[in-house]
């Protein structure tokens, strides 16, 4: 029921924003398979075993659900998930699913009707579940660059790219030219052109892409923790302010962190101020989680 409510709500929103208003089409996960996993587990595990039900449902979502979303991404999303992601992704999704399932089981037990049997909780389940949830967020968070450079030649058939080092894009999760925000109508346009390997460190596109006007065009490379871009063309933006990057016939440019170009409006600041802000944010999040846990605990005890 929750999944169907989500699909109807997001589906109507997608139709309104995309076809009706002519803006970006939302590409969202369906969660239908995950909902069916929960229902399948609930057929075998009684509601009085709240933690067991949550754990097995979470593990099923972390495995079967993840594979289902991979398939869905290859049907619908602009940049489908690469199979290279699975060896790193599955251990994390299993960890996140198990942790989320346990936390969900604890919440479900706290909100269960008065008089319903409640599954006993082993002493370390709660801290381990929260630690696993935090780890599943912290482990994939750091992003890196590998100091690669791209020698690019633009021609009538697209882009010819030679990388240094030559193996910089081998086994990449994605490597493409992404251009956006230059069309005068609708959502501004999005053009994604994959690069095909033709030799060691030598890649080509099979078609052209826009590099004029208000368009922005980047070489985008992701491989493991490396998420980086090399600008092909960027218009000047005096409102930020940011200088333009011309699309010359031939040029060599370094790859830089993805967000350095996508967030050109970020002006930086004091490292001490940044750390202070993140510390305050972490404390607020901790207080929020602690208050929810305290309230659920009171409900749990009062309903017994």
Protein backbone atom coordinates (compact mmCIF):
# COMPACT_ATOMS: atom_id res chain seq x y z
CA UNK A 1 0.00 0.00 0.00
CA UNK A 2 2.80 2.42 0.86
CA UNK A 3 4.59 1.65 -2.40
CA UNK A 4 1.44 2.16 -4.47
CA UNK A 5 0.72 5.46 -2.70
CA UNK A 6 4.27 6.58 -3.49
CA UNK A 7 3.99 5.55 -7.15
CA UNK A 8 0.67 7.36 -7.64
CA UNK A 9 1.95 10.50 -5.92
CA UNK A 10 5.31 10.63 -7.69
CA UNK A 11 3.74 9.52 -10.97
CA UNK A 12 1.31 12.45 -10.95
CA UNK A 13 4.15 14.80 -9.98
CA UNK A 14 6.29 13.46 -12.83
CA UNK A 15 3.53 13.95 -15.39
CA UNK A 16 2.85 17.47 -14.11
CA UNK A 17 6.49 18.61 -14.07
CA UNK A 18 7.59 16.82 -17.25
CA UNK A 19 4.97 16.62 -20.03
CA UNK A 20 2.55 19.26 -18.65
CA UNK A 21 4.95 22.02 -17.53
CA UNK A 22 7.72 20.99 -19.92
CA UNK A 23 10.39 20.70 -17.25
CA UNK A 24 12.69 17.87 -16.15
CA UNK A 25 11.23 14.36 -16.24
CA UNK A 26 11.72 12.73 -12.85
CA UNK A 27 13.42 9.33 -12.99
CA UNK A 28 12.50 7.68 -9.72
CA UNK A 29 12.80 4.13 -8.34
CA UNK A 30 9.54 2.23 -8.09
CA UNK A 31 10.15 0.22 -4.88
CA UNK A 32 7.54 -2.31 -6.06
CA UNK A 33 9.92 -5.24 -5.77
CA UNK A 34 10.99 -4.07 -2.31
CA UNK A 35 7.35 -3.88 -1.24
CA UNK A 36 6.78 -7.43 -2.49
CA UNK A 37 9.88 -8.59 -0.57
CA UNK A 38 8.38 -7.20 2.66
CA UNK A 39 5.06 -8.91 1.96
CA UNK A 40 6.77 -12.21 1.16
CA UNK A 41 8.75 -12.12 4.41
CA UNK A 42 5.57 -11.24 6.33
CA UNK A 43 3.94 -14.41 5.02
CA UNK A 44 6.55 -16.47 6.88
CA UNK A 45 7.44 -14.33 9.89
CA UNK A 46 4.65 -13.37 12.33
CA UNK A 47 4.06 -9.74 13.36
CA UNK A 48 4.96 -10.63 16.91
CA UNK A 49 8.57 -11.15 15.73
CA UNK A 50 9.08 -7.52 14.80
CA UNK A 51 12.88 -7.50 14.73
CA UNK A 52 13.15 -10.78 12.82
CA UNK A 53 10.60 -9.57 10.26
CA UNK A 54 12.45 -6.27 9.84
CA UNK A 55 15.86 -7.91 9.53
CA UNK A 56 14.86 -10.43 6.87
CA UNK A 57 12.85 -7.84 4.96
CA UNK A 58 15.83 -5.46 5.04
CA UNK A 59 18.23 -8.14 3.83
CA UNK A 60 15.85 -9.03 1.00
CA UNK A 61 15.59 -5.38 -0.01
CA UNK A 62 19.38 -5.04 0.12
CA UNK A 63 19.81 -7.95 -2.32
CA UNK A 64 16.73 -8.63 -4.46
CA UNK A 65 15.60 -5.02 -4.24
CA UNK A 66 18.98 -3.68 -5.31
CA UNK A 67 19.10 -5.99 -8.33
CA UNK A 68 15.57 -4.94 -9.28
CA UNK A 69 16.52 -1.25 -9.17
CA UNK A 70 19.57 -2.01 -11.31
CA UNK A 71 17.26 -3.52 -13.95
CA UNK A 72 14.87 -0.57 -13.64
CA UNK A 73 17.75 1.89 -14.09
CA UNK A 74 18.70 0.20 -17.35
CA UNK A 75 15.13 0.59 -18.60
CA UNK A 76 14.36 4.15 -17.52
CA UNK A 77 17.16 6.33 -16.13
CA UNK A 78 19.40 8.58 -18.28
CA UNK A 79 22.62 6.98 -16.97
CA UNK A 80 21.90 3.33 -16.10
CA UNK A 81 23.74 1.61 -13.29
CA UNK A 82 26.85 -0.17 -14.50
CA UNK A 83 27.44 -3.80 -13.61
CA UNK A 84 30.82 -2.62 -12.28
CA UNK A 85 28.92 -1.14 -9.33
CA UNK A 86 27.63 -4.45 -8.00
CA UNK A 87 30.76 -5.83 -6.24
CA UNK A 88 31.01 -2.64 -4.17
CA UNK A 89 27.31 -1.83 -3.97
CA UNK A 90 25.84 -5.14 -2.79
CA UNK A 91 27.81 -5.40 0.49
CA UNK A 92 26.75 -1.84 1.34
CA UNK A 93 23.12 -2.34 0.38
CA UNK A 94 22.97 -5.54 2.42
CA UNK A 95 24.47 -3.67 5.39
CA UNK A 96 22.09 -0.74 4.92
CA UNK A 97 19.11 -3.02 4.38
CA UNK A 98 19.82 -5.12 7.46
CA UNK A 99 20.39 -2.05 9.62
CA UNK A 100 17.32 -0.27 8.27
CA UNK A 101 15.23 -3.40 8.75
CA UNK A 102 16.28 -3.72 12.39
CA UNK A 103 15.61 -0.04 13.05
CA UNK A 104 12.25 -0.39 11.30
CA UNK A 105 11.48 -3.46 13.41
CA UNK A 106 12.26 -1.53 16.58
CA UNK A 107 10.00 1.33 15.47
CA UNK A 108 7.25 -1.12 14.52
CA UNK A 109 7.50 -2.80 17.91
CA UNK A 110 7.22 0.57 19.67
CA UNK A 111 4.12 1.49 17.65
CA UNK A 112 2.44 -1.93 17.97
CA UNK A 113 -1.04 -1.96 19.59
CA UNK A 114 -1.34 -2.26 23.35
CA UNK A 115 -1.25 -5.87 24.44
CA UNK A 116 0.46 -7.25 21.31
CA UNK A 117 3.36 -9.59 22.01
CA UNK A 118 6.72 -7.86 21.59
CA UNK A 119 9.89 -9.63 20.57
CA UNK A 120 12.69 -9.36 23.17
CA UNK A 121 15.61 -7.23 22.05
CA UNK A 122 19.17 -8.52 22.59
CA UNK A 123 21.28 -5.96 24.41
CA UNK A 124 23.56 -4.96 21.51
CA UNK A 125 20.99 -4.93 18.69
CA UNK A 126 20.13 -1.23 18.92
CA UNK A 127 23.68 0.21 18.96
CA UNK A 128 24.84 -2.26 16.31
CA UNK A 129 21.92 -1.38 14.03
CA UNK A 130 22.60 2.34 14.34
CA UNK A 131 26.35 1.83 13.85
CA UNK A 132 25.71 -0.24 10.72
CA UNK A 133 23.32 2.41 9.35
CA UNK A 134 25.90 5.16 9.89
CA UNK A 135 28.64 3.01 8.33
CA UNK A 136 26.55 2.40 5.22
CA UNK A 137 26.36 6.18 4.77
CA UNK A 138 29.95 6.99 5.72
CA UNK A 139 31.77 4.31 3.70
CA UNK A 140 30.68 5.47 0.21
CA UNK A 141 30.69 9.20 1.04
CA UNK A 142 34.33 10.16 0.25
CA UNK A 143 34.95 11.00 -3.41
CA UNK A 144 38.35 11.34 -5.04
CA UNK A 145 40.14 12.35 -8.22
CA UNK A 146 43.06 10.53 -9.85
CA UNK A 147 44.94 13.47 -11.46
CA UNK A 148 44.12 12.27 -14.99
CA UNK A 149 44.14 14.55 -18.02
CA UNK A 150 42.23 14.44 -21.31
CA UNK A 151 43.52 15.54 -24.70
CA UNK A 152 40.36 16.32 -26.67
CA UNK A 153 39.91 16.98 -30.39
CA UNK A 154 36.46 18.18 -31.52
CA UNK A 155 35.38 17.40 -35.07
CA UNK A 156 32.32 16.85 -37.27
CA UNK A 157 31.80 13.35 -35.85
CA UNK A 158 32.08 14.33 -32.19
CA UNK A 159 34.99 14.11 -29.75
CA UNK A 160 38.24 12.18 -29.92
CA UNK A 161 39.70 11.76 -26.41
CA UNK A 162 43.11 10.49 -25.33
CA UNK A 163 43.58 9.94 -21.60
CA UNK A 164 46.67 10.14 -19.45
CA UNK A 165 47.19 7.73 -17.78
CA UNK A 166 45.76 5.46 -20.51
CA UNK A 167 43.88 3.24 -18.05
CA UNK A 168 42.05 6.13 -16.33
CA UNK A 169 38.65 5.07 -17.73
CA UNK A 170 39.15 1.30 -17.84
CA UNK A 171 36.30 -0.49 -16.01
CA UNK A 172 34.60 2.86 -15.44
CA UNK A 173 31.14 2.98 -13.90
CA UNK A 174 30.38 5.61 -16.52
CA UNK A 175 32.40 7.69 -18.96
CA UNK A 176 30.47 10.06 -21.18
CA UNK A 177 29.99 13.57 -22.46
CA UNK A 178 27.13 15.29 -20.64
CA UNK A 179 25.67 18.51 -22.05
CA UNK A 180 22.74 20.36 -20.51
CA UNK A 181 20.95 23.65 -19.89
CA UNK A 182 21.29 25.15 -23.36
CA UNK A 183 17.88 24.66 -24.95
CA UNK A 184 15.56 27.64 -24.90
CA UNK A 185 12.45 25.59 -24.19
CA UNK A 186 11.36 22.93 -21.71
CA UNK A 187 13.86 21.79 -19.12
CA UNK A 188 16.85 23.25 -20.96
CA UNK A 189 17.78 19.96 -22.57
CA UNK A 190 19.99 17.06 -21.58
CA UNK A 191 22.37 15.31 -24.00
CA UNK A 192 24.35 12.26 -22.86
CA UNK A 193 26.83 10.83 -25.36
CA UNK A 194 28.78 7.71 -24.34
CA UNK A 195 32.44 7.30 -25.21
CA UNK A 196 33.64 4.11 -26.90
CA UNK A 197 37.14 2.74 -26.48
CA UNK A 198 39.09 2.41 -29.73
CA UNK A 199 42.55 1.77 -28.27
CA UNK A 200 44.61 2.03 -25.06
CA UNK A 201 43.57 5.34 -23.51
CA UNK A 202 41.84 6.33 -26.76
CA UNK A 203 38.10 7.00 -26.72
CA UNK A 204 35.60 8.49 -29.20
CA UNK A 205 31.97 9.56 -29.33
CA UNK A 206 29.79 8.40 -32.21
CA UNK A 207 27.94 11.72 -32.56
CA UNK A 208 28.25 15.40 -31.85
CA UNK A 209 26.95 17.38 -28.88
CA UNK A 210 26.24 21.10 -28.33
CA UNK A 211 29.13 23.37 -27.30
CA UNK A 212 27.69 26.83 -27.94
CA UNK A 213 25.46 29.42 -26.31
CA UNK A 214 24.19 28.56 -22.85
CA UNK A 215 25.00 24.86 -23.11
CA UNK A 216 27.45 23.30 -20.68
CA UNK A 217 29.44 20.24 -21.78
CA UNK A 218 31.70 18.04 -19.65
CA UNK A 219 33.64 14.82 -19.88
CA UNK A 220 32.32 12.89 -16.88
CA UNK A 221 34.16 9.90 -15.43
CA UNK A 222 33.23 7.72 -12.48
CA UNK A 223 35.21 4.71 -11.33
CA UNK A 224 34.87 3.53 -7.75
CA UNK A 225 35.50 6.52 -5.49
CA UNK A 226 36.75 8.61 -8.40
CA UNK A 227 34.03 11.02 -9.60
CA UNK A 228 35.56 13.71 -11.81
CA UNK A 229 35.02 15.88 -14.86
CA UNK A 230 37.03 17.67 -17.52
CA UNK A 231 35.26 20.76 -18.92
CA UNK A 232 34.72 20.85 -22.69
CA UNK A 233 32.62 24.01 -22.84
CA UNK A 234 31.21 26.30 -20.15
CA UNK A 235 29.64 29.69 -20.81
CA UNK A 236 30.72 32.67 -18.74
CA UNK A 237 28.42 33.32 -15.81
CA UNK A 238 28.97 36.83 -14.45
CA UNK A 239 26.24 36.42 -11.85
CA UNK A 240 28.31 33.88 -9.88
CA UNK A 241 30.86 35.11 -11.14
CA UNK A 242 32.57 32.39 -13.20
CA UNK A 243 34.71 32.63 -16.32
CA UNK A 244 33.81 30.74 -19.46
CA UNK A 245 35.71 27.71 -20.79
CA UNK A 246 35.94 27.76 -24.61
CA UNK A 247 35.41 24.67 -26.78
CA UNK A 248 38.62 24.85 -28.79
CA UNK A 249 39.25 22.50 -31.71
CA UNK A 250 41.95 20.74 -29.68
CA UNK A 251 42.88 21.13 -26.03
CA UNK A 252 44.25 19.26 -23.02
CA UNK A 253 42.59 19.74 -19.65
CA UNK A 254 42.90 18.04 -16.25
CA UNK A 255 40.06 16.20 -14.60
CA UNK A 256 38.84 17.89 -11.42
CA UNK A 257 36.35 16.96 -8.72
CA UNK A 258 32.82 16.64 -10.13
CA UNK A 259 31.27 19.15 -7.73
CA UNK A 260 33.99 21.73 -8.41
CA UNK A 261 32.44 22.35 -11.83
CA UNK A 262 28.81 21.46 -11.11
CA UNK A 263 28.84 23.88 -8.16
CA UNK A 264 30.77 26.75 -9.71
CA UNK A 265 28.78 29.15 -7.55
CA UNK A 266 30.47 27.80 -4.38
CA UNK A 267 32.94 30.46 -3.27
CA UNK A 268 34.64 28.52 -0.48
CA UNK A 269 35.46 29.96 2.93
CA UNK A 270 37.20 29.30 6.21
CA UNK A 271 37.96 25.64 6.92
CA UNK A 272 37.29 26.29 10.60
CA UNK A 273 33.87 27.75 9.81
CA UNK A 274 33.06 24.78 7.57
CA UNK A 275 33.99 22.29 10.30
CA UNK A 276 32.01 24.22 12.88
CA UNK A 277 28.95 24.22 10.64
CA UNK A 278 29.18 20.47 10.00
CA UNK A 279 29.69 19.82 13.73
CA UNK A 280 26.56 21.82 14.60
CA UNK A 281 24.63 19.98 11.88
CA UNK A 282 25.80 16.61 13.25
CA UNK A 283 24.78 17.61 16.79
CA UNK A 284 21.33 18.68 15.58
CA UNK A 285 20.89 15.39 13.73
CA UNK A 286 22.03 13.48 16.82
CA UNK A 287 19.55 15.34 19.04
CA UNK A 288 16.77 14.69 16.54
CA UNK A 289 17.50 10.95 16.40
CA UNK A 290 17.89 10.75 20.18
CA UNK A 291 14.56 12.49 20.77
CA UNK A 292 12.79 10.12 18.38
CA UNK A 293 14.41 7.10 20.04
CA UNK A 294 13.43 8.37 23.50
CA UNK A 295 9.83 8.93 22.44
CA UNK A 296 9.54 5.52 20.78
CA UNK A 297 11.06 3.87 23.83
CA UNK A 298 8.44 5.49 26.06
CA UNK A 299 5.67 4.32 23.75
CA UNK A 300 7.11 0.81 23.73
CA UNK A 301 7.26 0.58 27.52
CA UNK A 302 3.82 2.17 28.03
CA UNK A 303 2.10 -0.28 25.67
CA UNK A 304 3.32 -3.43 27.39
